[in-house]
Amino acid sequence: MTEGFEPHEQAAAEEPSAALPSPERSPLLELAGAVEAAGTGVADHYGSPLIEGRELDAGRAFVDLSHWGVVTVSGPDRRSWLHSLTSQALDRLAPGAPTRTLFLDLQGRIEFDARVVDDGESTFLLVEPGFAEPLREWLHKMRFMLRVEVADASAAWAVLGSNADLPVAVQGAGPRWIDPWPDVQAGGYPYAVFEGHPGSENDWRLDLIPRAALGAVARELLAAGWRAAGLMAAEQLRIAAWEPSQTAEVDSRSIPHELDLLRTAVHLAKGCYKGQETVARTHNLGHPPRRLVFLDLDGMEHTVPAAGAEVQLDGRKVGTITSSALHHEAGPIALAIVRRNTDPAALLTVVDGETRYAAAQTTIVAPDAGSVVGRPEGIRRL
């Protein structure tokens, strides 16, 4: 049994993921102590998730994210084309400048969340597991007569995550994506407004490594004194930084406002794109119906709740756990999506099967977020 808390067993079976292709097994699973995260092909941990989290936080470890997808877009029209399709201003994206963008549906709901970097010849879209081929297929249908080529390059590139520059030079490496979170980008707007955002302590980046060289690069990093860390370590940093993940926080109803993604992934002053009307209307005149909160959990149960566990207030369901982890310093923590009008000062209860956790909440997206302009007064509906 590894150190730390174990995820509490879910009462209901999860939906089958048979539609997704079987992941390629990473060579890093051959490292000592590696335990695979079910169905991913990469390590959940290497025997010591708390130590791995501490070393990753300190910039002395790397995370195998080779199950992530990489979509490339090439051609002279690529940036203006992507600019017209997504929430971020990409028409003048400089080579090496990292950003994040969202592909929305007509109702402003998130369909794809992509980390974006350009190398001067191609634009790289880094997406979480299972989204590369659906994104490539959708983009391919949207080319029309433009001079662009779209490819799923996941078989050529592997992603390594770290909280500092890699201490070795990687021959043939692709462009590095440095996370802009939580800095407010040009055209963005923060829904979590206060001093000292916890994400500011991170220096997260994703390196594109030729997949064929992944094992050799890992050996070089280990020889340089770095440690291999698993997905559990990466989740510690992400949840503590309040940074939403598509595979965890996004569901079929999610709009950017609920997750504070207007700060890094949305440009409010750019031209038209699919879903823009909902983004503008909610931001200027309304409020997001749900909101992201951070939870400090009672650690007495020696477990953490599974994703999907109910968040309750006075015995009534007000939300759902989306991510949880045992942090190497903060203990058991979680992110949850709750109803907008949930009292921000209330002590919540997380119910996972027969197990109950007391949960103190920290407001990320406030109940009154949005309505920046406000509805005009004195105008009656016809």
Protein backbone atom coordinates (compact mmCIF):
# COMPACT_ATOMS: atom_id res chain seq x y z
CA MET A 1 0.00 0.00 0.00
CA THR A 2 1.42 3.36 -0.99
CA GLU A 3 1.63 6.36 1.28
CA GLY A 4 -1.22 8.83 1.40
CA PHE A 5 -4.96 8.62 1.09
CA GLU A 6 -6.69 6.38 -1.43
CA PRO A 7 -9.65 7.52 -3.55
CA HIS A 8 -12.89 6.30 -1.98
CA GLU A 9 -14.62 3.62 -4.04
CA GLN A 10 -17.51 5.01 -6.07
CA ALA A 11 -20.94 3.64 -5.36
CA ALA A 12 -22.00 3.63 -8.99
CA ALA A 13 -20.08 2.23 -11.93
CA GLU A 14 -18.49 4.77 -14.24
CA GLU A 15 -19.59 5.06 -17.84
CA PRO A 16 -17.65 2.74 -20.17
CA SER A 17 -14.86 4.33 -22.21
CA ALA A 18 -14.85 1.75 -25.00
CA ALA A 19 -15.13 4.50 -27.58
CA LEU A 20 -11.60 5.66 -26.81
CA PRO A 21 -8.63 3.85 -28.38
CA SER A 22 -6.42 1.76 -26.12
CA PRO A 23 -3.56 3.96 -24.84
CA GLU A 24 0.00 3.20 -25.83
CA ARG A 25 1.96 1.87 -22.89
CA SER A 26 4.64 4.36 -21.85
CA PRO A 27 8.22 3.10 -21.46
CA LEU A 28 8.33 4.99 -18.15
CA LEU A 29 6.08 2.31 -16.67
CA GLU A 30 9.21 0.18 -16.57
CA LEU A 31 10.74 2.47 -13.93
CA ALA A 32 10.98 1.08 -10.40
CA GLY A 33 7.78 1.37 -8.38
CA ALA A 34 5.59 2.47 -11.30
CA VAL A 35 1.86 1.89 -10.81
CA GLU A 36 -0.26 2.53 -13.88
CA ALA A 37 -3.24 4.86 -13.70
CA ALA A 38 -6.05 2.63 -14.94
CA GLY A 39 -6.65 2.88 -18.66
CA THR A 40 -4.05 5.57 -19.33
CA GLY A 41 -0.79 3.82 -20.22
CA VAL A 42 1.14 6.14 -17.86
CA ALA A 43 2.05 6.03 -14.16
CA ASP A 44 -0.31 7.18 -11.44
CA HIS A 45 2.67 7.16 -9.08
CA TYR A 46 6.05 5.52 -8.56
CA GLY A 47 5.47 4.38 -5.00
CA SER A 48 5.60 7.69 -3.09
CA PRO A 49 2.94 10.15 -4.35
CA LEU A 50 3.48 12.67 -1.53
CA ILE A 51 7.23 12.83 -2.04
CA GLU A 52 6.68 13.00 -5.79
CA GLY A 53 4.27 15.90 -5.30
CA ARG A 54 6.75 17.75 -3.12
CA GLU A 55 9.59 17.27 -5.62
CA LEU A 56 7.39 18.27 -8.55
CA ASP A 57 6.30 21.40 -6.68
CA ALA A 58 9.96 22.24 -6.00
CA GLY A 59 10.92 21.90 -9.68
CA ARG A 60 12.90 18.70 -9.23
CA ALA A 61 10.62 16.18 -10.95
CA PHE A 62 8.87 15.47 -14.24
CA VAL A 63 5.50 13.91 -15.07
CA ASP A 64 4.84 11.53 -17.93
CA LEU A 65 1.86 12.95 -19.83
CA SER A 66 2.46 10.92 -22.97
CA HIS A 67 -1.23 9.95 -23.00
CA TRP A 68 -2.10 13.56 -23.89
CA GLY A 69 -2.94 14.36 -27.51
CA VAL A 70 -1.17 16.70 -29.94
CA VAL A 71 -2.93 18.19 -32.96
CA THR A 72 -0.90 20.24 -35.44
CA VAL A 73 -2.22 22.86 -37.84
CA SER A 74 0.07 24.04 -40.64
CA GLY A 75 -0.32 26.36 -43.62
CA PRO A 76 -0.24 30.13 -44.09
CA ASP A 77 -3.86 30.63 -42.99
CA ARG A 78 -3.57 28.60 -39.77
CA ARG A 79 -3.53 31.41 -37.20
CA SER A 80 -6.29 33.54 -38.75
CA TRP A 81 -8.36 30.38 -39.24
CA LEU A 82 -7.97 29.23 -35.63
CA HIS A 83 -8.64 32.81 -34.51
CA SER A 84 -12.05 32.67 -36.22
CA LEU A 85 -12.97 29.34 -34.60
CA THR A 86 -11.93 29.76 -30.99
CA SER A 87 -12.33 31.98 -27.93
CA GLN A 88 -8.76 33.32 -27.92
CA ALA A 89 -7.07 35.92 -30.16
CA LEU A 90 -4.67 33.81 -32.24
CA ASP A 91 -4.30 35.79 -35.47
CA ARG A 92 -1.06 37.41 -34.30
CA LEU A 93 0.26 34.60 -32.11
CA ALA A 94 4.05 34.92 -32.02
CA PRO A 95 6.27 31.85 -32.34
CA GLY A 96 6.94 30.37 -28.91
CA ALA A 97 4.24 32.46 -27.18
CA PRO A 98 1.97 30.10 -25.19
CA THR A 99 -1.74 30.60 -24.69
CA ARG A 100 -4.91 28.63 -24.06
CA THR A 101 -8.09 28.59 -26.11
CA LEU A 102 -11.54 27.01 -26.09
CA PHE A 103 -13.68 25.59 -28.87
CA LEU A 104 -17.31 26.21 -27.91
CA ASP A 105 -20.66 25.08 -29.25
CA LEU A 106 -23.39 27.53 -30.29
CA GLN A 107 -24.63 27.74 -26.69
CA GLY A 108 -21.16 28.67 -25.42
CA ARG A 109 -20.50 25.27 -23.83
CA ILE A 110 -16.94 23.95 -23.86
CA GLU A 111 -16.21 21.27 -26.46
CA PHE A 112 -12.40 21.39 -26.53
CA ASP A 113 -9.85 23.03 -24.22
CA ALA A 114 -6.47 23.40 -25.95
CA ARG A 115 -3.03 24.61 -24.90
CA VAL A 116 -1.61 26.48 -27.88
CA VAL A 117 1.93 27.24 -29.05
CA ASP A 118 3.31 27.99 -32.51
CA ASP A 119 6.83 27.26 -33.78
CA GLY A 120 6.69 29.58 -36.77
CA GLU A 121 5.61 26.84 -39.18
CA SER A 122 2.89 24.93 -37.32
CA THR A 123 0.49 25.59 -34.48
CA PHE A 124 0.46 22.89 -31.81
CA LEU A 125 -2.77 22.20 -29.92
CA LEU A 126 -2.12 20.13 -26.79
CA VAL A 127 -5.26 18.46 -25.46
CA GLU A 128 -6.08 16.11 -22.63
CA PRO A 129 -6.46 12.36 -23.25
CA GLY A 130 -9.15 11.28 -25.68
CA PHE A 131 -9.68 14.66 -27.38
CA ALA A 132 -7.02 14.76 -30.12
CA GLU A 133 -8.76 12.72 -32.79
CA PRO A 134 -12.24 14.28 -32.26
CA LEU A 135 -10.63 17.74 -32.47
CA ARG A 136 -8.67 16.82 -35.61
CA GLU A 137 -11.82 15.43 -37.24
CA TRP A 138 -13.83 18.56 -36.43
CA LEU A 139 -11.10 20.91 -37.63
CA HIS A 140 -10.71 18.93 -40.85
CA LYS A 141 -14.40 19.51 -41.63
CA MET A 142 -14.00 23.26 -41.04
CA ARG A 143 -11.13 23.85 -43.51
CA PHE A 144 -13.29 24.84 -46.50
CA MET A 145 -10.99 26.48 -49.09
CA LEU A 146 -8.39 27.77 -46.64
CA ARG A 147 -4.70 26.93 -46.86
CA VAL A 148 -4.44 24.77 -43.75
CA GLU A 149 -3.56 21.18 -42.98
CA VAL A 150 -4.64 19.43 -39.80
CA ALA A 151 -3.02 16.30 -38.33
CA ASP A 152 -3.21 14.21 -35.18
CA ALA A 153 0.48 14.15 -34.27
CA SER A 154 0.06 12.25 -31.00
CA ALA A 155 2.01 9.28 -32.36
CA ALA A 156 5.03 11.51 -33.03
CA TRP A 157 5.08 13.60 -29.84
CA ALA A 158 4.99 12.80 -26.15
CA VAL A 159 4.27 15.42 -23.48
CA LEU A 160 6.31 15.87 -20.30
CA GLY A 161 5.06 18.12 -17.51
CA SER A 162 7.29 19.92 -15.01
CA ASN A 163 7.39 22.94 -12.73
CA ALA A 164 10.81 24.17 -13.97
CA ASP A 165 12.96 24.04 -17.08
CA LEU A 166 14.24 20.56 -17.86
CA PRO A 167 17.93 20.26 -16.84
CA VAL A 168 18.87 18.47 -20.07
CA ALA A 169 18.77 19.48 -23.72
CA VAL A 170 16.43 17.30 -25.79
CA GLN A 171 17.43 16.83 -29.41
CA GLY A 172 14.52 17.36 -31.77
CA ALA A 173 12.24 18.75 -29.05
CA GLY A 174 9.18 20.70 -30.10
CA PRO A 175 8.08 24.08 -28.74
CA ARG A 176 7.56 24.41 -24.99
CA TRP A 177 4.19 25.49 -23.65
CA ILE A 178 4.41 27.57 -20.45
CA ASP A 179 1.14 27.80 -18.57
CA PRO A 180 -0.24 31.38 -18.46
CA TRP A 181 -2.48 30.45 -15.51
CA PRO A 182 -3.47 32.37 -13.44
CA ASP A 183 -2.25 35.59 -15.07
CA VAL A 184 -5.02 37.55 -16.79
CA GLN A 185 -4.22 37.60 -20.50
CA ALA A 186 -4.92 40.44 -22.92
CA GLY A 187 -8.67 40.61 -23.41
CA GLY A 188 -9.30 38.34 -20.42
CA TYR A 189 -11.22 38.92 -17.21
CA PRO A 190 -10.69 37.39 -13.74
CA TYR A 191 -13.66 35.97 -11.85
CA ALA A 192 -11.49 35.10 -8.85
CA VAL A 193 -10.45 38.60 -7.76
CA PHE A 194 -8.12 38.90 -4.75
CA GLU A 195 -4.45 39.16 -3.89
CA GLY A 196 -2.24 36.09 -3.95
CA HIS A 197 -3.88 33.59 -6.30
CA PRO A 198 -2.43 30.17 -5.32
CA GLY A 199 -1.68 29.33 -8.95
CA SER A 200 0.90 32.13 -9.01
CA GLU A 201 3.28 29.87 -7.09
CA ASN A 202 3.48 27.40 -10.00
CA ASP A 203 5.71 27.59 -13.05
CA TRP A 204 4.03 24.78 -14.95
CA ARG A 205 5.14 23.91 -18.46
CA LEU A 206 4.64 21.15 -21.03
CA ASP A 207 7.56 19.98 -23.17
CA LEU A 208 7.02 18.24 -26.50
CA ILE A 209 9.43 15.30 -26.74
CA PRO A 210 9.84 13.04 -29.79
CA ARG A 211 7.93 9.94 -28.68
CA ALA A 212 10.70 7.63 -29.81
CA ALA A 213 13.12 9.43 -27.47
CA LEU A 214 10.87 9.44 -24.37
CA GLY A 215 12.67 6.60 -22.55
CA ALA A 216 16.12 8.04 -23.23
CA VAL A 217 15.07 11.52 -22.09
CA ALA A 218 13.66 10.08 -18.85
CA ARG A 219 16.95 8.31 -18.14
CA GLU A 220 18.85 11.57 -18.70
CA LEU A 221 16.57 13.41 -16.31
CA LEU A 222 16.99 10.74 -13.64
CA ALA A 223 20.76 10.86 -14.10
CA ALA A 224 20.60 14.65 -13.65
CA GLY A 225 19.03 14.17 -10.21
CA TRP A 226 15.38 14.68 -11.11
CA ARG A 227 12.64 12.36 -9.93
CA ALA A 228 9.84 10.71 -11.92
CA ALA A 229 6.43 11.78 -10.60
CA GLY A 230 3.03 10.34 -11.46
CA LEU A 231 -0.36 11.76 -12.29
CA MET A 232 -1.25 11.93 -8.58
CA ALA A 233 1.57 14.43 -8.06
CA ALA A 234 0.46 16.57 -11.02
CA GLU A 235 -3.10 16.60 -9.65
CA GLN A 236 -1.84 17.89 -6.30
CA LEU A 237 -0.38 20.97 -8.00
CA ARG A 238 -3.30 21.52 -10.38
CA ILE A 239 -6.03 21.33 -7.76
CA ALA A 240 -4.09 23.52 -5.32
CA ALA A 241 -3.71 26.09 -8.14
CA TRP A 242 -7.50 26.03 -8.79
CA GLU A 243 -6.84 25.26 -12.46
CA PRO A 244 -9.70 23.46 -14.24
CA SER A 245 -9.17 20.37 -16.38
CA GLN A 246 -11.38 19.35 -19.29
CA THR A 247 -11.45 15.69 -18.26
CA ALA A 248 -12.37 16.60 -14.67
CA GLU A 249 -14.21 19.93 -14.35
CA VAL A 250 -15.89 20.19 -17.76
CA ASP A 251 -19.18 18.45 -18.48
CA SER A 252 -21.83 18.82 -21.20
CA ARG A 253 -23.15 22.06 -19.61
CA SER A 254 -19.91 23.86 -18.76
CA ILE A 255 -19.37 27.43 -19.91
CA PRO A 256 -16.03 29.26 -19.40
CA HIS A 257 -17.34 31.66 -16.75
CA GLU A 258 -18.10 28.87 -14.28
CA LEU A 259 -14.44 27.79 -14.22
CA ASP A 260 -12.73 31.22 -14.23
CA LEU A 261 -11.40 30.48 -17.72
CA LEU A 262 -12.10 34.00 -18.96
CA ARG A 263 -8.79 35.00 -17.36
CA THR A 264 -6.57 32.89 -19.66
CA ALA A 265 -8.58 31.27 -22.47
CA VAL A 266 -11.06 33.94 -23.64
CA HIS A 267 -10.48 37.28 -25.37
CA LEU A 268 -13.56 39.40 -24.76
CA ALA A 269 -12.77 42.00 -27.43
CA LYS A 270 -11.96 39.77 -30.41
CA GLY A 271 -14.16 39.11 -33.44
CA CYS A 272 -16.98 36.62 -33.80
CA TYR A 273 -16.61 32.90 -33.07
CA LYS A 274 -19.00 30.11 -32.26
CA GLY A 275 -20.44 30.56 -28.78
CA GLN A 276 -19.40 34.21 -28.47
CA GLU A 277 -22.96 35.43 -27.91
CA THR A 278 -23.35 33.30 -24.78
CA VAL A 279 -19.92 34.34 -23.51
CA ALA A 280 -20.69 38.05 -23.94
CA ARG A 281 -24.26 37.89 -22.65
CA THR A 282 -23.37 35.95 -19.50
CA HIS A 283 -20.37 38.17 -18.77
CA ASN A 284 -22.10 41.50 -19.39
CA LEU A 285 -25.71 40.88 -18.37
CA GLY A 286 -26.01 37.66 -16.40
CA HIS A 287 -24.33 35.22 -14.05
CA PRO A 288 -23.01 31.72 -14.68
CA PRO A 289 -25.51 29.19 -13.29
CA ARG A 290 -22.79 27.22 -11.50
CA ARG A 291 -19.38 28.05 -10.08
CA LEU A 292 -16.07 26.41 -9.20
CA VAL A 293 -15.04 26.18 -5.53
CA PHE A 294 -11.96 24.88 -3.72
CA LEU A 295 -12.54 22.58 -0.75
CA ASP A 296 -10.35 21.77 2.26
CA LEU A 297 -11.52 18.33 3.37
CA ASP A 298 -11.57 16.68 6.77
CA GLY A 299 -8.75 14.14 6.77
CA MET A 300 -10.08 11.86 9.49
CA GLU A 301 -11.36 9.26 7.04
CA HIS A 302 -7.88 8.63 5.53
CA THR A 303 -9.41 8.68 2.05
CA VAL A 304 -10.38 11.32 -0.47
CA PRO A 305 -13.78 11.36 -2.20
CA ALA A 306 -14.08 10.16 -5.77
CA ALA A 307 -15.09 12.41 -8.62
CA GLY A 308 -18.87 12.49 -8.77
CA ALA A 309 -19.38 12.50 -5.00
CA GLU A 310 -22.21 14.78 -3.84
CA VAL A 311 -21.57 18.14 -2.21
CA GLN A 312 -24.36 18.90 0.25
CA LEU A 313 -25.52 21.84 2.34
CA ASP A 314 -27.94 21.06 5.17
CA GLY A 315 -28.65 17.66 3.65
CA ARG A 316 -29.47 19.03 0.20
CA LYS A 317 -27.29 18.45 -2.85
CA VAL A 318 -25.72 21.68 -4.12
CA GLY A 319 -22.88 20.36 -6.26
CA THR A 320 -20.45 17.63 -7.26
CA ILE A 321 -16.80 16.83 -6.60
CA THR A 322 -14.82 17.04 -9.84
CA SER A 323 -11.22 16.44 -8.61
CA SER A 324 -9.61 15.43 -5.33
CA ALA A 325 -6.12 14.68 -4.08
CA LEU A 326 -4.00 14.35 -0.98
CA HIS A 327 -1.64 17.31 -1.22
CA HIS A 328 1.88 16.94 0.14
CA GLU A 329 1.42 20.02 2.37
CA ALA A 330 -2.27 20.96 2.47
CA GLY A 331 -3.67 17.47 3.04
CA PRO A 332 -6.94 16.36 1.39
CA ILE A 333 -8.21 18.96 -1.09
CA ALA A 334 -10.75 19.03 -3.89
CA LEU A 335 -12.41 21.10 -6.58
CA ALA A 336 -16.18 21.06 -6.96
CA ILE A 337 -18.87 22.60 -9.11
CA VAL A 338 -21.74 24.01 -7.04
CA ARG A 339 -24.90 25.98 -7.66
CA ARG A 340 -24.30 29.69 -8.04
CA ASN A 341 -26.40 30.68 -5.00
CA THR A 342 -24.65 28.28 -2.58
CA ASP A 343 -23.67 30.27 0.52
CA PRO A 344 -19.89 30.92 0.18
CA ALA A 345 -19.47 31.00 3.97
CA ALA A 346 -21.26 27.72 4.70
CA LEU A 347 -19.52 24.54 5.83
CA LEU A 348 -20.32 21.90 3.23
CA THR A 349 -20.50 18.11 3.46
CA VAL A 350 -19.18 15.74 0.79
CA VAL A 351 -21.02 12.42 0.63
CA ASP A 352 -19.32 9.53 -1.15
CA GLY A 353 -21.27 6.34 -0.56
CA GLU A 354 -21.32 5.76 3.18
CA THR A 355 -18.45 8.16 3.83
CA ARG A 356 -19.00 11.82 4.74
CA TYR A 357 -16.37 14.58 4.72
CA ALA A 358 -16.65 18.01 6.27
CA ALA A 359 -15.54 20.55 3.66
CA ALA A 360 -14.52 24.17 4.18
CA GLN A 361 -14.89 26.10 0.94
CA THR A 362 -12.81 28.85 -0.61
CA THR A 363 -14.60 30.95 -3.22
CA ILE A 364 -13.07 30.84 -6.68
CA VAL A 365 -15.96 32.10 -8.81
CA ALA A 366 -18.18 34.33 -6.67
CA PRO A 367 -22.00 34.06 -6.70
CA ASP A 368 -22.26 37.57 -8.17
CA ALA A 369 -19.62 37.01 -10.89
CA GLY A 370 -20.66 38.33 -14.27
CA SER A 371 -23.23 41.02 -14.99
CA VAL A 372 -20.35 43.44 -15.56
CA VAL A 373 -22.54 45.88 -17.47
CA GLY A 374 -25.80 44.95 -15.76
CA ARG A 375 -29.28 44.77 -17.20
CA PRO A 376 -30.73 48.11 -18.32
CA GLU A 377 -33.41 49.39 -15.97
CA GLY A 378 -36.77 50.80 -16.98
CA ILE A 379 -37.08 48.64 -20.08
CA ARG A 380 -40.07 46.32 -20.04
CA ARG A 381 -40.31 43.11 -21.96
CA LEU A 382 -42.75 43.15 -24.86
